[in-house]
Amino acid sequence: MTTASPLELTAGELRLALRPDLGGCVAGLWHAGLPVLRSTEPPALERSRQSGCYPLAPYSNRLGFARFRWLGHDHTTRPSLDDGPHSIHGVAWQRAWTVESADGHTAALALVHGGDADWPFAFTLDQRFELSPQSLRVSMRFVNTAPHAQPVGLGWHPYFPKRARSRLHAELTHRWESDPTTQLPTRRVAQSGLDGDVAHLDFDHVFDGWQGAARIRDEKFSLRLTSSLDRLVVYTPPAKDYFCVEPVGHVSNAIHMAQPLAHGLRALEPGQAFEAWMQLDIAPA
């Protein structure tokens, strides 16, 4: 195993750059030199949160106020950002991964977590990248190596460039409204779907009932995002030059809800595994 960085894959016109040492993240994905994801040449990338995509494990989005109760025991984590009280996106994006294997089109990364102040339970996590001339497929396998059951959710956080004619279409059933102060979900409301220009959308929400593919189109590409996970977080900050469409397995802050497992979290017993995948199909416009 090695922590060598960076690592690049190519297939046809696609080039994928990985930074295993920066949270197992995608530094960039380009098609014929044009960025498909928000992309930075690997040596210039300083933090995983500036990358094109990073893994979300063992939970996605916000864990409220960096504490939770699980199986009768109270646990604390640490706030992930200097300007907020919550833990965000788990720990996988904050850790150096090792390279298990790599060739021209595929790469396998691994993370061993022993339990610490950011997440109290031990686990192993494998992430595999497969690049073809038309697509990028990423999969994860999470194994609970702790002596007790732990709560687990998986996902990915892709960033897409916001272009002049960027559009998003996704079939969904519900949206979770958030408290404007805490930014934590408060209530579930009906949502018929999303279909519009990204420049006119203003979301930072998790959506239930994702069906089919999320389709992203602009003047450069037609993208099709699919996943084994059935929820999306959509983040479309008006003042930024990017937007996010994130396949996730659970509602944000589900650990604090009355029935966490009803909102997508899994109670993984010792030795049990949870696997997930996402795929981005890429066609030039």
Protein backbone atom coordinates (compact mmCIF):
# COMPACT_ATOMS: atom_id res chain seq x y z
CA MET A 1 0.00 0.00 0.00
CA THR A 2 1.11 3.54 -0.71
CA THR A 3 -0.08 7.09 -0.08
CA ALA A 4 1.43 8.27 -3.38
CA SER A 5 -0.14 11.41 -4.72
CA PRO A 6 -1.46 12.37 -7.15
CA LEU A 7 -2.95 9.51 -9.14
CA GLU A 8 -4.36 9.88 -12.66
CA LEU A 9 -6.59 7.67 -14.83
CA THR A 10 -7.42 8.20 -18.51
CA ALA A 11 -9.98 6.70 -20.87
CA GLY A 12 -10.64 8.17 -24.28
CA GLU A 13 -11.06 11.95 -23.85
CA LEU A 14 -11.58 11.66 -20.08
CA ARG A 15 -8.87 12.35 -17.49
CA LEU A 16 -9.46 11.74 -13.80
CA ALA A 17 -7.06 13.05 -11.13
CA LEU A 18 -7.20 11.74 -7.57
CA ARG A 19 -5.61 12.94 -4.33
CA PRO A 20 -5.64 9.93 -1.98
CA ASP A 21 -3.81 11.99 0.64
CA LEU A 22 -6.55 14.64 0.65
CA GLY A 23 -9.57 12.62 1.76
CA GLY A 24 -9.55 10.21 -1.15
CA CYS A 25 -10.94 13.03 -3.26
CA VAL A 26 -11.28 13.71 -6.97
CA ALA A 27 -9.03 16.67 -7.72
CA GLY A 28 -10.51 16.96 -11.19
CA LEU A 29 -12.34 15.32 -14.06
CA TRP A 30 -11.83 16.69 -17.57
CA HIS A 31 -13.13 15.80 -21.02
CA ALA A 32 -10.80 16.97 -23.79
CA GLY A 33 -9.40 19.51 -21.35
CA LEU A 34 -12.79 20.92 -20.26
CA PRO A 35 -13.78 20.41 -16.60
CA VAL A 36 -16.72 18.07 -16.06
CA LEU A 37 -16.52 18.48 -12.28
CA ARG A 38 -15.03 21.49 -10.54
CA SER A 39 -11.42 20.70 -11.28
CA THR A 40 -8.00 21.71 -10.02
CA GLU A 41 -4.69 20.32 -11.19
CA PRO A 42 -3.60 17.99 -8.37
CA PRO A 43 -0.44 19.83 -7.24
CA ALA A 44 -2.45 23.03 -6.80
CA LEU A 45 -5.20 21.47 -4.67
CA GLU A 46 -4.77 22.41 -1.01
CA ARG A 47 -7.88 20.99 0.69
CA SER A 48 -10.40 18.27 -0.11
CA ARG A 49 -13.28 20.74 0.25
CA GLN A 50 -11.87 22.58 -2.79
CA SER A 51 -11.95 19.40 -4.88
CA GLY A 52 -14.28 18.08 -7.55
CA CYS A 53 -15.77 15.36 -5.34
CA TYR A 54 -15.09 13.66 -2.02
CA PRO A 55 -16.61 10.72 -0.14
CA LEU A 56 -19.14 11.11 2.66
CA ALA A 57 -18.76 8.56 5.45
CA PRO A 58 -19.88 7.52 8.00
CA TYR A 59 -22.57 10.16 7.53
CA SER A 60 -23.43 12.95 5.13
CA ASN A 61 -24.13 16.62 5.69
CA ARG A 62 -24.56 17.99 9.22
CA LEU A 63 -24.44 16.10 12.49
CA GLY A 64 -26.11 18.61 14.78
CA PHE A 65 -23.97 20.34 17.40
CA ALA A 66 -21.25 17.68 17.21
CA ARG A 67 -22.94 15.24 19.56
CA PHE A 68 -25.38 12.34 19.44
CA ARG A 69 -26.88 9.54 21.49
CA TRP A 70 -26.64 5.97 20.23
CA LEU A 71 -27.80 2.74 21.94
CA GLY A 72 -28.11 4.50 25.27
CA HIS A 73 -24.69 6.17 25.20
CA ASP A 74 -23.80 9.80 24.59
CA HIS A 75 -21.04 10.57 22.09
CA THR A 76 -19.31 13.73 20.97
CA THR A 77 -17.55 14.54 17.72
CA ARG A 78 -15.76 17.75 16.74
CA PRO A 79 -17.05 20.67 14.67
CA SER A 80 -15.64 20.35 11.15
CA LEU A 81 -15.49 24.04 10.26
CA ASP A 82 -14.28 27.06 12.18
CA ASP A 83 -17.49 29.03 11.65
CA GLY A 84 -20.09 26.43 12.64
CA PRO A 85 -21.15 24.27 15.61
CA HIS A 86 -21.81 21.07 13.64
CA SER A 87 -19.76 18.14 12.44
CA ILE A 88 -20.04 17.88 8.67
CA HIS A 89 -19.76 15.06 6.12
CA GLY A 90 -18.17 12.46 8.38
CA VAL A 91 -14.43 11.83 8.58
CA ALA A 92 -13.43 10.14 5.29
CA TRP A 93 -12.84 13.48 3.54
CA GLN A 94 -10.52 14.56 6.37
CA ARG A 95 -8.20 11.54 6.28
CA ALA A 96 -5.36 10.31 4.08
CA TRP A 97 -6.24 7.16 2.13
CA THR A 98 -3.85 4.52 0.85
CA VAL A 99 -3.67 3.27 -2.74
CA GLU A 100 -4.45 -0.44 -2.86
CA SER A 101 -4.13 -0.80 -6.63
CA ALA A 102 -4.17 1.29 -9.80
CA ASP A 103 -3.87 0.86 -13.54
CA GLY A 104 -4.72 3.10 -16.47
CA HIS A 105 -8.50 2.93 -16.00
CA THR A 106 -9.16 1.86 -12.38
CA ALA A 107 -7.95 2.66 -8.90
CA ALA A 108 -8.75 1.26 -5.45
CA LEU A 109 -8.22 3.31 -2.28
CA ALA A 110 -8.55 2.25 1.35
CA LEU A 111 -9.06 3.95 4.70
CA VAL A 112 -8.68 2.39 8.14
CA HIS A 113 -10.29 4.34 10.99
CA GLY A 114 -9.65 3.24 14.54
CA GLY A 115 -12.10 5.57 16.28
CA ASP A 116 -11.17 9.03 17.53
CA ALA A 117 -12.54 12.39 18.63
CA ASP A 118 -14.15 12.94 15.21
CA TRP A 119 -15.96 9.58 15.12
CA PRO A 120 -15.89 7.15 18.03
CA PHE A 121 -16.36 3.87 16.12
CA ALA A 122 -13.78 1.86 14.16
CA PHE A 123 -14.33 0.98 10.51
CA THR A 124 -12.62 0.24 7.21
CA LEU A 125 -13.65 1.88 3.96
CA ASP A 126 -12.75 0.98 0.38
CA GLN A 127 -13.35 3.28 -2.56
CA ARG A 128 -13.01 2.15 -6.18
CA PHE A 129 -12.86 4.36 -9.28
CA GLU A 130 -13.59 2.99 -12.76
CA LEU A 131 -13.14 5.29 -15.76
CA SER A 132 -14.42 4.49 -19.24
CA PRO A 133 -14.46 6.79 -22.29
CA GLN A 134 -18.06 7.72 -21.46
CA SER A 135 -18.38 7.48 -17.67
CA LEU A 136 -16.96 7.57 -14.18
CA ARG A 137 -18.20 4.97 -11.68
CA VAL A 138 -17.27 5.19 -8.00
CA SER A 139 -18.13 2.61 -5.36
CA MET A 140 -17.60 2.33 -1.61
CA ARG A 141 -17.61 -0.56 0.83
CA PHE A 142 -17.85 0.24 4.53
CA VAL A 143 -17.18 -2.46 7.16
CA ASN A 144 -17.88 -1.97 10.86
CA THR A 145 -14.78 -3.13 12.76
CA ALA A 146 -15.99 -1.82 16.12
CA PRO A 147 -17.18 -4.28 18.81
CA HIS A 148 -20.66 -2.70 18.82
CA ALA A 149 -23.23 -1.63 16.25
CA GLN A 150 -22.67 1.82 14.79
CA PRO A 151 -24.83 4.24 12.77
CA VAL A 152 -23.70 4.50 9.15
CA GLY A 153 -24.61 6.57 6.12
CA LEU A 154 -22.71 6.95 2.84
CA GLY A 155 -22.65 9.39 -0.04
CA TRP A 156 -20.56 11.56 -2.33
CA HIS A 157 -20.20 15.33 -2.70
CA PRO A 158 -19.66 16.22 -6.39
CA TYR A 159 -19.17 19.87 -7.37
CA PHE A 160 -20.23 20.90 -10.89
CA PRO A 161 -19.13 24.06 -12.72
CA LYS A 162 -21.96 26.58 -13.04
CA ARG A 163 -22.07 27.61 -16.68
CA ALA A 164 -24.28 30.07 -18.56
CA ARG A 165 -26.91 27.46 -19.44
CA SER A 166 -26.55 24.97 -16.58
CA ARG A 167 -29.82 23.09 -15.98
CA LEU A 168 -30.78 20.43 -13.44
CA HIS A 169 -33.56 17.87 -13.72
CA ALA A 170 -34.29 15.31 -10.98
CA GLU A 171 -37.38 13.28 -10.08
CA LEU A 172 -38.02 13.60 -6.34
CA THR A 173 -40.94 13.20 -3.95
CA HIS A 174 -40.13 15.32 -0.86
CA ARG A 175 -37.91 18.16 0.38
CA TRP A 176 -36.72 18.72 3.93
CA GLU A 177 -37.08 22.33 5.03
CA SER A 178 -34.28 23.63 7.25
CA ASP A 179 -34.10 25.96 10.20
CA PRO A 180 -32.49 29.17 8.89
CA THR A 181 -30.30 29.52 11.98
CA THR A 182 -29.09 25.97 12.60
CA GLN A 183 -29.37 24.80 8.95
CA LEU A 184 -30.74 21.49 10.25
CA PRO A 185 -33.84 19.80 8.73
CA THR A 186 -37.12 20.53 10.47
CA ARG A 187 -40.02 19.20 8.38
CA ARG A 188 -40.72 17.17 5.25
CA VAL A 189 -42.83 18.72 2.50
CA ALA A 190 -43.98 17.47 -0.91
CA GLN A 191 -41.65 18.18 -3.83
CA SER A 192 -42.71 17.21 -7.34
CA GLY A 193 -39.17 17.37 -8.67
CA LEU A 194 -36.54 19.80 -9.88
CA ASP A 195 -36.33 21.12 -13.42
CA GLY A 196 -34.79 24.50 -14.08
CA ASP A 197 -31.84 26.73 -14.73
CA VAL A 198 -29.32 26.40 -11.91
CA ALA A 199 -28.88 30.19 -11.86
CA HIS A 200 -32.54 30.47 -10.77
CA LEU A 201 -32.37 27.80 -8.05
CA ASP A 202 -31.51 28.53 -4.43
CA PHE A 203 -31.32 25.26 -2.51
CA ASP A 204 -29.34 23.84 0.37
CA HIS A 205 -31.69 20.93 1.06
CA VAL A 206 -31.88 17.17 1.25
CA PHE A 207 -34.54 15.54 -0.93
CA ASP A 208 -36.29 12.19 -0.44
CA GLY A 209 -37.59 9.85 -3.08
CA TRP A 210 -34.97 10.33 -5.76
CA GLN A 211 -35.94 8.23 -8.78
CA GLY A 212 -34.12 7.62 -12.02
CA ALA A 213 -31.20 9.80 -13.06
CA ALA A 214 -30.37 13.38 -12.14
CA ARG A 215 -29.63 15.13 -15.44
CA ILE A 216 -27.29 18.09 -15.69
CA ARG A 217 -26.97 19.92 -18.98
CA ASP A 218 -25.14 23.00 -20.17
CA GLU A 219 -23.52 24.29 -23.35
CA LYS A 220 -20.58 21.87 -22.93
CA PHE A 221 -21.97 18.57 -21.58
CA SER A 222 -24.98 16.39 -20.99
CA LEU A 223 -24.47 14.49 -17.73
CA ARG A 224 -26.47 11.66 -16.21
CA LEU A 225 -25.96 10.94 -12.49
CA THR A 226 -27.24 7.67 -11.03
CA SER A 227 -26.63 5.90 -7.73
CA SER A 228 -27.66 3.00 -5.52
CA LEU A 229 -28.52 5.68 -2.92
CA ASP A 230 -32.02 7.15 -3.03
CA ARG A 231 -31.66 10.68 -1.72
CA LEU A 232 -30.06 13.86 -3.04
CA VAL A 233 -28.60 16.90 -1.38
CA VAL A 234 -28.81 19.85 -3.77
CA TYR A 235 -26.77 22.97 -3.06
CA THR A 236 -27.03 25.87 -5.50
CA PRO A 237 -25.39 28.93 -3.90
CA PRO A 238 -26.24 31.94 -6.07
CA ALA A 239 -22.93 33.72 -5.49
CA LYS A 240 -20.70 30.73 -6.29
CA ASP A 241 -19.43 29.47 -9.64
CA TYR A 242 -20.36 25.87 -8.79
CA PHE A 243 -23.32 23.82 -7.59
CA CYS A 244 -23.61 20.41 -5.92
CA VAL A 245 -25.83 17.39 -6.60
CA GLU A 246 -24.95 14.80 -3.96
CA PRO A 247 -26.17 11.19 -3.85
CA VAL A 248 -26.68 10.27 -0.19
CA GLY A 249 -28.29 7.48 1.77
CA HIS A 250 -29.96 9.34 4.62
CA VAL A 251 -31.60 12.59 5.69
CA SER A 252 -29.21 15.18 7.10
CA ASN A 253 -28.96 14.96 10.89
CA ALA A 254 -31.02 11.77 10.88
CA ILE A 255 -29.17 10.60 14.01
CA HIS A 256 -31.12 13.21 16.02
CA MET A 257 -34.53 12.27 14.63
CA ALA A 258 -37.00 10.10 16.54
CA GLN A 259 -36.45 7.17 14.17
CA PRO A 260 -33.00 7.48 12.56
CA LEU A 261 -33.27 4.20 10.68
CA ALA A 262 -36.56 5.32 9.10
CA HIS A 263 -34.64 8.22 7.54
CA GLY A 264 -31.92 6.17 5.90
CA LEU A 265 -29.25 5.59 8.55
CA ARG A 266 -28.20 1.98 8.99
CA ALA A 267 -27.35 0.22 12.24
CA LEU A 268 -24.35 -1.83 11.15
CA GLU A 269 -23.44 -4.74 13.41
CA PRO A 270 -19.79 -5.71 13.98
CA GLY A 271 -18.37 -7.21 10.81
CA GLN A 272 -21.29 -6.12 8.64
CA ALA A 273 -20.72 -4.22 5.39
CA PHE A 274 -22.60 -1.48 3.55
CA GLU A 275 -21.89 -0.91 -0.13
CA ALA A 276 -22.92 1.96 -2.41
CA TRP A 277 -22.07 3.31 -5.85
CA MET A 278 -22.63 6.32 -8.07
CA GLN A 279 -22.07 6.74 -11.80
CA LEU A 280 -21.67 9.85 -13.93
CA ASP A 281 -22.29 9.34 -17.66
CA ILE A 282 -20.73 12.08 -19.77
CA ALA A 283 -21.63 13.17 -23.30
CA PRO A 284 -20.34 16.32 -25.04
CA ALA A 285 -23.14 18.73 -25.94
